[in-house]
Amino acid sequence: MKKEECKNSVANVPAEKPDTWRCRNCGSQAVQQRAWVNVNTGEVESFIDGGRDDYWCEACEQYGYPVRESELNSRAL
């Protein structure tokens, strides 16, 4: 599936970047973002970034904004 570049999306972060997005609640990387997907091609048309309910963590099964790993680590110190 081809992902569209979206400047306002957390999905726009290169995969090789070490400062990954994590769940604010549990710290998991299993965070998902809602998107509009073309049902015929499976292609992501755009990402939805309207509020905390647009992000879901599979690990803790809660909605919430993701945070950068570095931010999560700085809170723990």
N, C-alpha and C. Protein backbone atom coordinates (compact mmCIF):
# COMPACT_ATOMS: atom_id res chain seq x y z
N MET A 1 0.84 -1.18 0.00
CA MET A 1 0.00 0.00 0.00
C MET A 1 0.89 1.24 0.00
N LYS A 2 0.63 2.14 -0.89
CA LYS A 2 1.40 3.37 -1.00
C LYS A 2 0.87 4.40 -0.01
N LYS A 3 1.77 5.03 0.73
CA LYS A 3 1.37 6.06 1.70
C LYS A 3 1.63 7.44 1.13
N GLU A 4 0.65 8.27 1.24
CA GLU A 4 0.75 9.65 0.76
C GLU A 4 1.56 10.48 1.74
N GLU A 5 2.35 11.40 1.23
CA GLU A 5 3.07 12.34 2.08
C GLU A 5 2.07 13.34 2.63
N CYS A 6 2.06 13.51 3.90
CA CYS A 6 1.13 14.44 4.56
C CYS A 6 1.90 15.18 5.63
N LYS A 7 2.08 16.48 5.46
CA LYS A 7 2.89 17.27 6.38
C LYS A 7 2.34 17.31 7.80
N ASN A 8 1.03 17.17 7.97
CA ASN A 8 0.42 17.26 9.28
C ASN A 8 0.25 15.92 9.96
N SER A 9 0.88 14.89 9.43
CA SER A 9 0.67 13.54 9.94
C SER A 9 1.88 13.00 10.67
N VAL A 10 1.63 12.22 11.72
CA VAL A 10 2.74 11.56 12.40
C VAL A 10 3.34 10.48 11.50
N ALA A 11 2.60 10.05 10.50
CA ALA A 11 3.09 9.02 9.58
C ALA A 11 4.13 9.57 8.61
N ASN A 12 4.37 10.87 8.61
CA ASN A 12 5.31 11.50 7.70
C ASN A 12 6.75 11.42 8.21
N VAL A 13 6.98 10.70 9.30
CA VAL A 13 8.32 10.58 9.87
C VAL A 13 9.03 9.40 9.21
N PRO A 14 10.25 9.61 8.70
CA PRO A 14 10.98 8.50 8.07
C PRO A 14 11.17 7.33 9.04
N ALA A 15 11.06 6.11 8.51
CA ALA A 15 11.14 4.90 9.34
C ALA A 15 12.49 4.76 10.04
N GLU A 16 13.57 5.27 9.43
CA GLU A 16 14.89 5.10 10.02
C GLU A 16 15.18 6.10 11.14
N LYS A 17 14.30 7.04 11.35
CA LYS A 17 14.51 8.03 12.40
C LYS A 17 14.34 7.37 13.77
N PRO A 18 15.31 7.50 14.65
CA PRO A 18 15.25 6.80 15.94
C PRO A 18 14.23 7.38 16.92
N ASP A 19 13.80 8.61 16.74
CA ASP A 19 12.86 9.25 17.65
C ASP A 19 11.44 8.91 17.22
N THR A 20 11.01 7.69 17.45
CA THR A 20 9.72 7.20 16.97
C THR A 20 8.57 7.74 17.81
N TRP A 21 7.37 7.61 17.23
CA TRP A 21 6.16 7.99 17.94
C TRP A 21 5.76 6.85 18.86
N ARG A 22 5.30 7.18 20.06
CA ARG A 22 4.89 6.19 21.05
C ARG A 22 3.57 6.62 21.70
N CYS A 23 2.90 5.66 22.29
CA CYS A 23 1.66 5.93 23.01
C CYS A 23 1.97 6.76 24.25
N ARG A 24 1.24 7.82 24.45
CA ARG A 24 1.41 8.68 25.61
C ARG A 24 1.04 7.94 26.90
N ASN A 25 0.12 6.98 26.81
CA ASN A 25 -0.37 6.27 28.00
C ASN A 25 0.54 5.13 28.44
N CYS A 26 0.97 4.29 27.48
CA CYS A 26 1.72 3.09 27.87
C CYS A 26 3.13 3.01 27.29
N GLY A 27 3.48 3.89 26.33
CA GLY A 27 4.81 3.90 25.75
C GLY A 27 5.01 2.97 24.56
N SER A 28 3.96 2.27 24.16
CA SER A 28 4.06 1.32 23.04
C SER A 28 4.26 2.05 21.71
N GLN A 29 4.87 1.35 20.75
CA GLN A 29 4.98 1.87 19.38
C GLN A 29 3.79 1.45 18.52
N ALA A 30 2.85 0.73 19.08
CA ALA A 30 1.69 0.20 18.34
C ALA A 30 0.59 1.25 18.20
N VAL A 31 0.97 2.46 17.79
CA VAL A 31 0.02 3.56 17.66
C VAL A 31 -0.45 3.64 16.21
N GLN A 32 -1.74 3.81 16.04
CA GLN A 32 -2.34 3.92 14.71
C GLN A 32 -3.00 5.28 14.55
N GLN A 33 -3.11 5.72 13.28
CA GLN A 33 -3.75 6.99 12.97
C GLN A 33 -4.84 6.75 11.93
N ARG A 34 -5.98 7.39 12.09
CA ARG A 34 -7.07 7.25 11.11
C ARG A 34 -6.66 7.87 9.79
N ALA A 35 -7.19 7.29 8.71
CA ALA A 35 -6.89 7.79 7.37
C ALA A 35 -8.06 7.53 6.44
N TRP A 36 -8.13 8.33 5.38
CA TRP A 36 -9.07 8.06 4.30
C TRP A 36 -8.35 7.17 3.30
N VAL A 37 -8.94 6.02 3.01
CA VAL A 37 -8.31 5.04 2.12
C VAL A 37 -9.25 4.78 0.94
N ASN A 38 -8.69 4.80 -0.27
CA ASN A 38 -9.45 4.49 -1.47
C ASN A 38 -9.81 3.01 -1.43
N VAL A 39 -11.10 2.69 -1.41
CA VAL A 39 -11.53 1.30 -1.29
C VAL A 39 -11.21 0.46 -2.52
N ASN A 40 -10.99 1.09 -3.66
CA ASN A 40 -10.68 0.34 -4.87
C ASN A 40 -9.19 0.04 -5.01
N THR A 41 -8.35 0.94 -4.53
CA THR A 41 -6.91 0.75 -4.71
C THR A 41 -6.18 0.41 -3.41
N GLY A 42 -6.81 0.70 -2.27
CA GLY A 42 -6.14 0.50 -0.98
C GLY A 42 -5.14 1.60 -0.67
N GLU A 43 -5.08 2.61 -1.52
CA GLU A 43 -4.14 3.71 -1.36
C GLU A 43 -4.64 4.71 -0.33
N VAL A 44 -3.74 5.17 0.55
CA VAL A 44 -4.09 6.18 1.53
C VAL A 44 -4.21 7.52 0.81
N GLU A 45 -5.39 8.13 0.91
CA GLU A 45 -5.63 9.42 0.26
C GLU A 45 -5.15 10.57 1.15
N SER A 46 -5.47 10.48 2.42
CA SER A 46 -5.02 11.50 3.38
C SER A 46 -5.19 10.96 4.79
N PHE A 47 -4.50 11.59 5.71
CA PHE A 47 -4.58 11.21 7.11
C PHE A 47 -5.51 12.17 7.83
N ILE A 48 -6.20 11.67 8.82
CA ILE A 48 -7.11 12.48 9.62
C ILE A 48 -6.37 12.89 10.88
N ASP A 49 -6.31 14.18 11.12
CA ASP A 49 -5.61 14.70 12.29
C ASP A 49 -6.47 15.79 12.92
N GLY A 50 -7.61 15.37 13.45
CA GLY A 50 -8.52 16.35 13.99
C GLY A 50 -8.63 16.35 15.50
N GLY A 51 -8.08 15.34 16.14
CA GLY A 51 -8.19 15.28 17.59
C GLY A 51 -7.62 14.00 18.14
N ARG A 52 -7.62 13.90 19.45
CA ARG A 52 -7.00 12.75 20.09
C ARG A 52 -7.69 11.44 19.74
N ASP A 53 -8.97 11.49 19.35
CA ASP A 53 -9.70 10.28 18.97
C ASP A 53 -9.29 9.76 17.60
N ASP A 54 -8.39 10.45 16.93
CA ASP A 54 -7.89 9.99 15.63
C ASP A 54 -6.64 9.14 15.77
N TYR A 55 -6.19 8.89 17.01
CA TYR A 55 -5.02 8.06 17.29
C TYR A 55 -5.43 6.95 18.26
N TRP A 56 -5.02 5.73 17.97
CA TRP A 56 -5.41 4.56 18.76
C TRP A 56 -4.18 3.72 19.07
N CYS A 57 -4.07 3.26 20.30
CA CYS A 57 -2.97 2.37 20.69
C CYS A 57 -3.51 0.95 20.79
N GLU A 58 -2.95 0.06 20.01
CA GLU A 58 -3.34 -1.35 20.03
C GLU A 58 -2.93 -2.01 21.34
N ALA A 59 -1.87 -1.55 21.96
CA ALA A 59 -1.35 -2.19 23.17
C ALA A 59 -2.25 -1.95 24.38
N CYS A 60 -2.60 -0.70 24.64
CA CYS A 60 -3.40 -0.40 25.83
C CYS A 60 -4.87 -0.13 25.50
N GLU A 61 -5.18 -0.16 24.20
CA GLU A 61 -6.55 0.02 23.71
C GLU A 61 -7.18 1.32 24.22
N GLN A 62 -6.42 2.41 24.03
CA GLN A 62 -6.91 3.74 24.41
C GLN A 62 -6.64 4.73 23.29
N TYR A 63 -7.50 5.75 23.21
CA TYR A 63 -7.29 6.86 22.30
C TYR A 63 -6.37 7.87 22.96
N GLY A 64 -5.60 8.59 22.16
CA GLY A 64 -4.77 9.65 22.70
C GLY A 64 -3.69 10.07 21.73
N TYR A 65 -3.22 11.29 21.87
CA TYR A 65 -2.15 11.81 21.02
C TYR A 65 -0.86 11.04 21.28
N PRO A 66 -0.13 10.66 20.23
CA PRO A 66 1.17 10.04 20.44
C PRO A 66 2.22 11.09 20.80
N VAL A 67 3.32 10.64 21.37
CA VAL A 67 4.43 11.53 21.70
C VAL A 67 5.71 10.93 21.16
N ARG A 68 6.70 11.77 20.96
CA ARG A 68 8.02 11.30 20.52
C ARG A 68 8.67 10.50 21.65
N GLU A 69 9.44 9.50 21.28
CA GLU A 69 10.15 8.68 22.26
C GLU A 69 11.03 9.55 23.16
N SER A 70 11.70 10.54 22.58
CA SER A 70 12.57 11.41 23.37
C SER A 70 11.80 12.20 24.41
N GLU A 71 10.57 12.63 24.06
CA GLU A 71 9.74 13.36 24.99
C GLU A 71 9.28 12.44 26.12
N LEU A 72 8.92 11.22 25.78
CA LEU A 72 8.49 10.25 26.77
C LEU A 72 9.62 9.93 27.73
N ASN A 73 10.84 9.78 27.19
CA ASN A 73 12.01 9.50 28.02
C ASN A 73 12.35 10.68 28.92
N SER A 74 12.18 11.90 28.44
CA SER A 74 12.51 13.07 29.26
C SER A 74 11.53 13.25 30.42
N ARG A 75 10.31 12.78 30.25
CA ARG A 75 9.32 12.83 31.32
C ARG A 75 9.66 11.84 32.44
N ALA A 76 10.28 10.74 32.05
CA ALA A 76 10.59 9.67 33.01
C ALA A 76 11.77 10.05 33.91
N LEU A 77 12.58 11.02 33.48
CA LEU A 77 13.76 11.40 34.27
C LEU A 77 13.42 12.21 35.48
